[in-house]
Every structure is written in structure tokens, then in C-alpha cells.
Amino acid sequence: MTDPAGPSSAPHYLNLPGACTVTTEAVRAAARTLDEALHAQSMVCLTADAGVGKTFTLHLLCEQRPALPVLRLLPRPQARPDDLRGSLYRALNLPGAPPQDAGICDDYLRHALGQPRRLIAVDEAHQLSSSCIEYLRHLHDDPTPQVTVLLLASRPRLRALRSQPTLISRVTTWHHLEPLGEDEIHTVLPAFHPLWQDVPAPVISSLDGLWAHGNFRRWAALTHQLHTSLRRHPHQPPDPATLLHRLKPRTHTT
């Protein structure tokens, strides 16, 4: 079962004109995990293969909870704790520049994070250094900050997080965001973009089996190609081979 989520400011891949936000079963499952974490003020990790939509899901879940204060962080690779402190300081809109003294900066952060309860969402969390993970652990374990920590990580690089003893003992749920199921595709795509509403189901199944495999980013790329094809040949039914021609890497021979 799927349903349109209504207008959304979450950016669609390729900024597709006419694309709609659809609440899928995967989004609902992630929402249940998030709500449980917020209730318990725990640490959770949302994982997915590249292109399945973990960052988009975060945007959508936050939009569906407008009263929830969210601090969204995107750390640079191998960021230091001072970088994380600075990101939190700016995300909280605290006055002036972050204090250079770590202790003073932490005092400001602890006070600001006391009330109300907040969600700290860290995208690309697999890029965090061990010292940054330890700093997040420190914030989460401190009784003053009222925070739930949500880590978003690419599944192929999940080993970097699972190797951290600090997280293994504190993450209550490792939630994997599943790609679109074969049956779900035929209801999601017409709701996602009107261009798919008149495309025969066998064509959609063929495209998914040949290339997309339930991956929303790949379906967005196919939607872009479908738009181009229909603009050039408005009365010609879409052909899977034609849509895939520009998307599949070409093998060069010499």
C-alpha cells in the first residue's frame, strides 16, 4: 500500500518536474523505528544501499513531524570532535562563533540541548571518525541533553560503524531501508510521476528487472529518460531498450 504524502520540500533526484512524494512501506517502517527511538531517547542507525533513499526518507520523516526540533548534520570525512561541536553550535543558532575552548563550547551545547527534546540526525555517518563517535556517545549519555541520535549510513560501508564498540553497545536498532518490492513498483511509480500512469505494467517490470531493481534513484533517472523520449516521440510507446541506452555503461572494444 502506498499513498501520496502531499507537497514536500524534500528535493527529488534530478529535480524532476512533476515528481510527487510517495509514502512507501519502507518509509512507514522507518517512521515506526524513529518514533520508538524518540520515545526511548535512544541511538538508532538507518542504513540503505546507495540510491534507495535514506536521506530523502529523513527529509520526509522530519516534515511529517513539524513539532520535532531536528539538528541535521553532514560531517566531512574524518571530521574531528571540534568540527562536530561547531556544527551543533551553528545548528542550534547559538550567538556568535563557537568558542575555541572545547569545555566552554560543551557547556553552551549542554545547556541548549537541555530542552526541548531534539533529534540529532547525522547523514553519511559511516564517515565519522572514532573520536566523533565517542563525542556523540558522550552527548547521548550525558543526563542533561535531551537527545535522540539517528545515524544514516550506506550499507556497503556499515562495517566502519559496526566495528565501533561504543555504538554496538548503544544503538538499539539497525534499521535497513528496503528498496521497492516488485509488486509495490506498479503502485508507487504512477503516484511518483504521472508519466508512468499510462506505461504498460510489463514495460515497468522489464525496466526494474533489467536495471532499476527497486532503487528509487535509478527510477528517477529512468523517469528523466522517459520524459526525454516522450518529448521527442510523443506518439511512440516507450521501449525499455531505448530508455536504458543512455543509462547503461557502454563497453568499448579496440
Protein backbone atom coordinates (compact mmCIF):
# COMPACT_ATOMS: atom_id res chain seq x y z
CA MET A 1 0.00 0.00 0.00
CA THR A 2 1.24 3.49 -0.87
CA ASP A 3 -0.21 6.94 -0.67
CA PRO A 4 0.85 10.42 -1.74
CA ALA A 5 2.48 12.27 1.13
CA GLY A 6 1.31 15.63 -0.20
CA PRO A 7 3.51 18.60 -1.04
CA SER A 8 7.07 18.23 0.16
CA SER A 9 10.16 20.42 0.17
CA ALA A 10 12.41 17.35 0.13
CA PRO A 11 14.48 17.51 -3.06
CA HIS A 12 13.81 14.84 -5.66
CA TYR A 13 16.79 13.42 -7.52
CA LEU A 14 17.43 15.40 -10.74
CA ASN A 15 14.81 17.94 -9.54
CA LEU A 16 12.25 16.15 -11.69
CA PRO A 17 9.35 18.44 -12.62
CA GLY A 18 6.04 16.84 -11.71
CA ALA A 19 7.55 14.36 -9.25
CA CYS A 20 5.46 13.68 -6.14
CA THR A 21 6.41 12.38 -2.73
CA VAL A 22 5.00 8.92 -2.01
CA THR A 23 4.89 7.27 1.38
CA THR A 24 6.02 3.70 0.79
CA GLU A 25 6.06 0.70 3.10
CA ALA A 26 9.79 1.28 3.65
CA VAL A 27 9.12 4.86 4.78
CA ARG A 28 6.39 3.67 7.16
CA ALA A 29 8.71 1.08 8.67
CA ALA A 30 11.42 3.73 9.15
CA ALA A 31 8.84 6.03 10.75
CA ARG A 32 7.91 3.37 13.30
CA THR A 33 11.58 2.85 14.14
CA LEU A 34 12.11 6.59 14.56
CA ASP A 35 9.05 7.02 16.78
CA GLU A 36 10.21 4.19 19.02
CA ALA A 37 13.66 5.78 19.27
CA LEU A 38 12.20 9.19 20.10
CA HIS A 39 10.09 7.66 22.86
CA ALA A 40 13.11 5.94 24.39
CA GLN A 41 15.65 8.69 23.51
CA SER A 42 17.91 6.01 22.09
CA MET A 43 20.51 5.77 19.33
CA VAL A 44 19.43 4.16 16.05
CA CYS A 45 21.06 3.61 12.68
CA LEU A 46 19.17 3.81 9.37
CA THR A 47 21.03 2.03 6.58
CA ALA A 48 20.38 1.57 2.87
CA ASP A 49 22.12 0.83 -0.37
CA ALA A 50 23.09 3.89 -2.39
CA GLY A 51 20.10 5.43 -4.14
CA VAL A 52 17.38 3.69 -2.13
CA GLY A 53 16.51 6.97 -0.40
CA LYS A 54 17.78 7.21 3.18
CA THR A 55 18.42 10.98 3.03
CA PHE A 56 15.10 11.62 1.27
CA THR A 57 13.37 9.49 3.92
CA LEU A 58 14.97 11.61 6.65
CA HIS A 59 13.62 14.79 5.00
CA LEU A 60 10.16 13.26 4.71
CA LEU A 61 10.04 11.95 8.29
CA CYS A 62 11.07 15.35 9.62
CA GLU A 63 8.41 17.09 7.51
CA GLN A 64 5.80 14.72 8.88
CA ARG A 65 6.81 15.76 12.43
CA PRO A 66 6.86 19.58 12.22
CA ALA A 67 6.91 19.96 16.00
CA LEU A 68 10.08 17.88 16.32
CA PRO A 69 13.25 20.01 16.62
CA VAL A 70 15.83 18.38 14.33
CA LEU A 71 19.55 19.11 14.11
CA ARG A 72 20.76 17.75 10.76
CA LEU A 73 24.49 17.25 10.45
CA LEU A 74 26.55 16.26 7.43
CA PRO A 75 30.11 15.79 8.67
CA ARG A 76 33.06 15.94 6.35
CA PRO A 77 35.15 12.76 6.07
CA GLN A 78 37.20 12.10 9.20
CA ALA A 79 35.80 15.14 10.98
CA ARG A 80 37.20 15.94 14.42
CA PRO A 81 35.09 16.43 17.57
CA ASP A 82 35.72 20.19 17.27
CA ASP A 83 34.09 20.08 13.83
CA LEU A 84 31.08 18.31 15.33
CA ARG A 85 30.89 20.83 18.17
CA GLY A 86 30.94 23.67 15.64
CA SER A 87 28.22 22.05 13.51
CA LEU A 88 25.98 21.57 16.53
CA TYR A 89 26.62 25.11 17.75
CA ARG A 90 25.57 26.56 14.38
CA ALA A 91 22.62 24.18 14.00
CA LEU A 92 21.32 25.40 17.38
CA ASN A 93 21.63 29.02 16.19
CA LEU A 94 23.70 29.96 19.22
CA PRO A 95 25.11 33.50 19.16
CA GLY A 96 28.48 34.30 17.69
CA ALA A 97 31.17 31.86 16.67
CA PRO A 98 31.66 28.56 18.51
CA PRO A 99 34.08 29.04 21.45
CA GLN A 100 37.51 27.66 20.70
CA ASP A 101 37.75 26.19 24.19
CA ALA A 102 36.14 22.73 24.00
CA GLY A 103 34.94 22.78 27.61
CA ILE A 104 33.21 26.15 27.24
CA CYS A 105 31.64 25.10 23.93
CA ASP A 106 30.35 21.88 25.52
CA ASP A 107 28.77 23.87 28.36
CA TYR A 108 26.88 26.01 25.84
CA LEU A 109 25.76 22.90 23.94
CA ARG A 110 24.66 21.03 27.07
CA HIS A 111 22.56 23.99 28.18
CA ALA A 112 20.99 24.47 24.73
CA LEU A 113 20.23 20.75 24.38
CA GLY A 114 18.52 20.51 27.76
CA GLN A 115 15.04 21.39 26.50
CA PRO A 116 13.12 20.65 24.36
CA ARG A 117 13.86 17.10 23.30
CA ARG A 118 15.70 17.06 19.99
CA LEU A 119 16.68 14.67 17.25
CA ILE A 120 20.32 14.77 16.13
CA ALA A 121 20.40 13.26 12.62
CA VAL A 122 23.85 12.56 11.22
CA ASP A 123 23.93 11.79 7.49
CA GLU A 124 26.78 9.79 5.96
CA ALA A 125 27.62 8.66 9.50
CA HIS A 126 29.99 5.99 8.19
CA GLN A 127 32.41 8.87 7.56
CA LEU A 128 32.63 9.72 11.28
CA SER A 129 35.96 9.18 12.99
CA SER A 130 36.18 7.17 16.20
CA SER A 131 36.66 10.35 18.21
CA CYS A 132 33.46 11.89 16.75
CA ILE A 133 31.50 8.74 17.55
CA GLU A 134 32.83 8.92 21.09
CA TYR A 135 31.71 12.55 21.28
CA LEU A 136 28.18 11.61 20.17
CA ARG A 137 28.21 8.88 22.80
CA HIS A 138 29.19 11.49 25.38
CA LEU A 139 26.29 13.76 24.39
CA HIS A 140 23.82 10.90 24.38
CA ASP A 141 24.90 9.51 27.76
CA ASP A 142 25.00 12.91 29.47
CA PRO A 143 21.77 13.28 31.51
CA THR A 144 21.36 16.98 30.67
CA PRO A 145 20.94 16.91 26.86
CA GLN A 146 17.56 15.50 25.82
CA VAL A 147 18.57 13.96 22.51
CA THR A 148 17.81 11.04 20.26
CA VAL A 149 20.61 10.22 17.83
CA LEU A 150 19.81 8.96 14.32
CA LEU A 151 22.76 7.82 12.22
CA LEU A 152 22.32 7.41 8.46
CA ALA A 153 24.84 5.15 6.76
CA SER A 154 25.41 3.45 3.44
CA ARG A 155 25.08 -0.31 3.89
CA PRO A 156 28.25 -1.18 1.91
CA ARG A 157 30.23 0.91 4.42
CA LEU A 158 28.33 -0.16 7.51
CA ARG A 159 31.29 -2.20 8.73
CA ALA A 160 33.01 1.03 9.75
CA LEU A 161 30.22 1.72 12.25
CA ARG A 162 29.73 -1.84 13.42
CA SER A 163 33.41 -2.01 14.31
CA GLN A 164 32.91 0.71 16.94
CA PRO A 165 32.31 -0.85 20.40
CA THR A 166 30.77 2.45 21.53
CA LEU A 167 27.94 2.05 19.02
CA ILE A 168 27.48 -1.70 19.25
CA SER A 169 26.52 -1.35 22.90
CA ARG A 170 24.26 1.69 22.44
CA VAL A 171 22.49 1.51 19.07
CA THR A 172 19.16 -0.11 19.87
CA THR A 173 18.11 -0.69 16.25
CA TRP A 174 19.99 -1.15 12.98
CA HIS A 175 17.15 -0.49 10.54
CA HIS A 176 17.71 -1.35 6.89
CA LEU A 177 15.68 0.65 4.35
CA GLU A 178 14.49 -1.82 1.73
CA PRO A 179 14.18 -0.99 -2.00
CA LEU A 180 10.78 -1.04 -3.67
CA GLY A 181 9.27 -4.50 -3.92
CA GLU A 182 8.26 -5.92 -7.29
CA ASP A 183 4.52 -5.56 -6.57
CA GLU A 184 4.89 -2.13 -4.97
CA ILE A 185 6.56 -0.67 -8.05
CA HIS A 186 3.31 -0.76 -10.03
CA THR A 187 1.53 1.42 -7.47
CA VAL A 188 4.44 3.66 -6.48
CA LEU A 189 5.57 4.78 -9.93
CA PRO A 190 2.23 6.16 -11.17
CA ALA A 191 1.90 8.03 -7.85
CA PHE A 192 5.51 9.22 -8.06
CA HIS A 193 5.20 10.69 -11.55
CA PRO A 194 2.26 10.98 -13.98
CA LEU A 195 4.46 9.91 -16.91
CA TRP A 196 4.25 6.31 -15.62
CA GLN A 197 0.46 6.22 -15.38
CA ASP A 198 -0.04 5.04 -18.97
CA VAL A 199 3.05 2.84 -19.26
CA PRO A 200 2.13 -0.88 -19.53
CA ALA A 201 2.96 -2.97 -16.45
CA PRO A 202 5.19 -5.39 -18.44
CA VAL A 203 7.38 -2.45 -19.51
CA ILE A 204 7.75 -1.31 -15.89
CA SER A 205 8.58 -4.85 -14.77
CA SER A 206 11.13 -5.19 -17.56
CA LEU A 207 12.86 -1.92 -16.63
CA ASP A 208 13.01 -2.89 -12.98
CA GLY A 209 14.42 -6.34 -13.72
CA LEU A 210 16.95 -5.08 -16.24
CA TRP A 211 18.27 -2.09 -14.36
CA ALA A 212 16.38 -0.35 -11.54
CA HIS A 213 15.93 -3.25 -9.04
CA GLY A 214 13.60 -1.17 -6.85
CA ASN A 215 16.18 1.61 -6.46
CA PHE A 216 14.41 4.98 -6.37
CA ARG A 217 17.38 6.94 -7.69
CA ARG A 218 17.53 4.65 -10.71
CA TRP A 219 13.80 5.05 -11.23
CA ALA A 220 14.25 8.84 -11.14
CA ALA A 221 16.91 8.52 -13.84
CA LEU A 222 14.54 6.35 -15.90
CA THR A 223 11.79 8.95 -15.43
CA HIS A 224 14.14 11.58 -16.82
CA GLN A 225 14.82 9.37 -19.85
CA LEU A 226 11.10 8.68 -20.29
CA HIS A 227 10.40 12.42 -20.27
CA THR A 228 13.05 12.93 -22.96
CA SER A 229 11.72 10.04 -25.06
CA LEU A 230 8.11 11.25 -24.95
CA ARG A 231 9.15 14.79 -25.77
CA ARG A 232 10.92 13.57 -28.91
CA HIS A 233 8.37 10.91 -29.88
CA PRO A 234 5.05 11.80 -28.19
CA HIS A 235 3.06 9.11 -30.02
CA GLN A 236 5.55 6.26 -29.71
CA PRO A 237 5.19 3.82 -26.78
CA PRO A 238 8.33 3.73 -24.59
CA ASP A 239 10.75 0.93 -25.36
CA PRO A 240 12.87 -0.41 -22.47
CA ALA A 241 15.99 -0.75 -24.61
CA THR A 242 15.71 2.88 -25.72
CA LEU A 243 15.25 4.18 -22.18
CA LEU A 244 18.22 2.19 -20.92
CA HIS A 245 20.52 3.12 -23.79
CA ARG A 246 21.93 6.25 -22.17
CA LEU A 247 21.96 4.87 -18.64
CA LYS A 248 23.94 1.67 -19.02
CA PRO A 249 27.73 1.98 -19.29
CA ARG A 250 28.98 1.17 -22.74
CA THR A 251 31.65 -1.43 -23.35
CA HIS A 252 34.36 -0.12 -25.69
CA THR A 253 36.30 -2.53 -27.84
CA THR A 254 39.59 -1.88 -29.60
